[in-house]
Amino acid sequence: MWWMLDIKLRLVRFSLASSPTKRILNTYNEVSSTNYGRIQYNRVSNGILVEFTVMLNVGNKNLTGNSTVAKSTGVHELAHAIGLDDLTSGTTIMNGNRDRTRIHTLQSIDKTRINTYYSAQQSRVNID
């Protein structure tokens, strides 16, 4: 299972894996109807995130059995790894209250935010 985010500067990809890699998608089990996922920042080098783990909460019944909700959660958490913060409104993958069955890819506002951020940080970008 993998998702790609096509942004102005790079193509970012992450894979489901069972052993440690630089970029990994994993799961955890916490019974909750509101906690969908989280990201763990494993290593930062010279201010650049180089290792992270995106985790999906298999204890959330809203997420299990619904690949669209799982994808929405994974893309949201990965977007944190590439620099986006949560938003509280709008049609965006970063809105914690989004409809996860409908919004499961980057929206135009997300792409604009990424491109704006990386245009300013271009000399520091190091995402393979």
Protein backbone atom coordinates (compact mmCIF):
# COMPACT_ATOMS: atom_id res chain seq x y z
CA MET A 1 0.00 0.00 0.00
CA TRP A 2 1.47 3.39 -0.90
CA TRP A 3 0.42 6.90 -1.63
CA MET A 4 2.22 9.62 -3.53
CA LEU A 5 1.95 13.34 -3.09
CA ASP A 6 2.84 15.27 -6.22
CA ILE A 7 4.24 18.61 -5.11
CA LYS A 8 6.17 21.26 -6.99
CA LEU A 9 9.64 20.19 -5.91
CA ARG A 10 9.53 16.46 -5.28
CA LEU A 11 7.53 13.28 -5.45
CA VAL A 12 7.17 11.94 -1.91
CA ARG A 13 6.24 8.30 -1.37
CA PHE A 14 5.85 6.13 1.71
CA SER A 15 5.26 2.41 2.07
CA LEU A 16 3.71 0.06 4.59
CA ALA A 17 6.65 -1.79 6.14
CA SER A 18 7.24 -4.07 9.08
CA SER A 19 10.90 -3.26 9.65
CA PRO A 20 12.55 0.08 10.40
CA THR A 21 13.27 2.25 7.38
CA LYS A 22 13.81 5.95 7.01
CA ARG A 23 10.15 6.55 6.20
CA ILE A 24 7.60 4.06 7.49
CA LEU A 25 3.86 3.54 7.85
CA ASN A 26 2.87 1.52 10.90
CA THR A 27 -0.11 0.95 13.18
CA TYR A 28 -0.98 1.24 16.85
CA ASN A 29 -4.05 0.14 18.78
CA GLU A 30 -5.82 2.70 20.98
CA VAL A 31 -9.58 2.33 21.38
CA SER A 32 -10.86 5.74 20.29
CA SER A 33 -13.41 7.10 17.84
CA THR A 34 -11.56 10.40 17.49
CA ASN A 35 -7.87 9.41 17.33
CA TYR A 36 -7.13 8.33 13.76
CA GLY A 37 -3.36 8.52 13.53
CA ARG A 38 -0.16 10.23 14.55
CA ILE A 39 3.35 10.88 13.36
CA GLN A 40 6.53 10.17 15.25
CA TYR A 41 9.59 12.20 14.29
CA ASN A 42 12.49 9.77 14.63
CA ARG A 43 15.46 11.80 13.45
CA VAL A 44 16.19 15.33 12.33
CA SER A 45 19.54 16.18 10.75
CA ASN A 46 20.60 19.82 10.30
CA GLY A 47 17.01 20.93 10.82
CA ILE A 48 15.72 18.55 8.12
CA LEU A 49 13.39 15.67 8.98
CA VAL A 50 15.04 12.50 7.67
CA GLU A 51 13.28 9.71 9.57
CA PHE A 52 9.66 9.50 10.63
CA THR A 53 6.95 6.96 11.31
CA VAL A 54 3.32 7.57 10.28
CA MET A 55 1.00 5.47 12.43
CA LEU A 56 -2.65 4.57 11.83
CA ASN A 57 -4.86 3.75 14.81
CA VAL A 58 -6.35 0.30 14.21
CA GLY A 59 -8.31 0.74 17.45
CA ASN A 60 -10.52 3.34 15.75
CA LYS A 61 -13.50 1.52 14.25
CA ASN A 62 -14.10 4.46 11.88
CA LEU A 63 -10.70 3.75 10.29
CA THR A 64 -10.56 -0.04 10.18
CA GLY A 65 -12.28 -1.59 7.19
CA ASN A 66 -12.45 1.70 5.30
CA SER A 67 -9.47 2.18 3.00
CA THR A 68 -10.53 5.73 2.08
CA VAL A 69 -10.49 6.82 5.74
CA ALA A 70 -7.15 5.05 6.22
CA LYS A 71 -5.72 6.80 3.16
CA SER A 72 -7.05 10.16 4.35
CA THR A 73 -5.36 9.62 7.72
CA GLY A 74 -2.08 8.48 6.16
CA VAL A 75 -1.92 11.43 3.76
CA HIS A 76 -2.77 13.84 6.61
CA GLU A 77 0.03 12.48 8.79
CA LEU A 78 2.51 12.43 5.91
CA ALA A 79 1.64 16.06 5.19
CA HIS A 80 2.82 16.84 8.74
CA ALA A 81 6.17 15.25 7.83
CA ILE A 82 6.55 17.59 4.86
CA GLY A 83 5.71 20.70 6.86
CA LEU A 84 1.94 21.26 7.10
CA ASP A 85 0.24 22.09 10.39
CA ASP A 86 -3.33 21.21 11.33
CA LEU A 87 -6.14 23.55 10.34
CA THR A 88 -9.53 23.84 12.03
CA SER A 89 -11.60 24.76 8.97
CA GLY A 90 -11.70 24.55 5.20
CA THR A 91 -11.69 21.84 2.57
CA THR A 92 -8.20 20.60 3.28
CA ILE A 93 -6.51 17.32 4.19
CA MET A 94 -5.13 19.15 7.24
CA ASN A 95 -8.57 19.92 8.73
CA GLY A 96 -8.99 17.54 11.65
CA ASN A 97 -12.76 17.67 11.17
CA ARG A 98 -12.74 16.87 7.43
CA ASP A 99 -14.98 14.22 5.92
CA ARG A 100 -12.37 11.44 5.66
CA THR A 101 -14.54 9.47 3.24
CA ARG A 102 -14.47 12.39 0.77
CA ILE A 103 -11.18 14.18 1.42
CA HIS A 104 -8.33 11.69 1.13
CA THR A 105 -5.86 13.50 -1.13
CA LEU A 106 -4.14 16.86 -1.01
CA GLN A 107 -6.53 19.67 -1.86
CA SER A 108 -5.58 22.84 -3.74
CA ILE A 109 -5.03 24.78 -0.50
CA ASP A 110 -2.68 22.03 0.75
CA LYS A 111 -0.64 22.13 -2.46
CA THR A 112 -0.46 25.93 -2.29
CA ARG A 113 0.75 25.77 1.32
CA ILE A 114 3.41 23.17 0.45
CA ASN A 115 4.64 25.06 -2.59
CA THR A 116 4.77 28.33 -0.66
CA TYR A 117 6.70 26.72 2.17
CA TYR A 118 9.20 24.94 -0.08
CA SER A 119 9.69 27.93 -2.36
CA ALA A 120 10.97 29.77 0.71
CA GLN A 121 12.97 26.75 1.90
CA GLN A 122 14.22 25.47 -1.48
CA SER A 123 17.87 25.38 -0.54
CA ARG A 124 17.06 23.27 2.54
CA VAL A 125 14.76 20.69 0.95
CA ASN A 126 16.11 17.16 1.22
CA ILE A 127 13.13 14.80 0.81
CA ASP A 128 13.93 11.74 -1.31
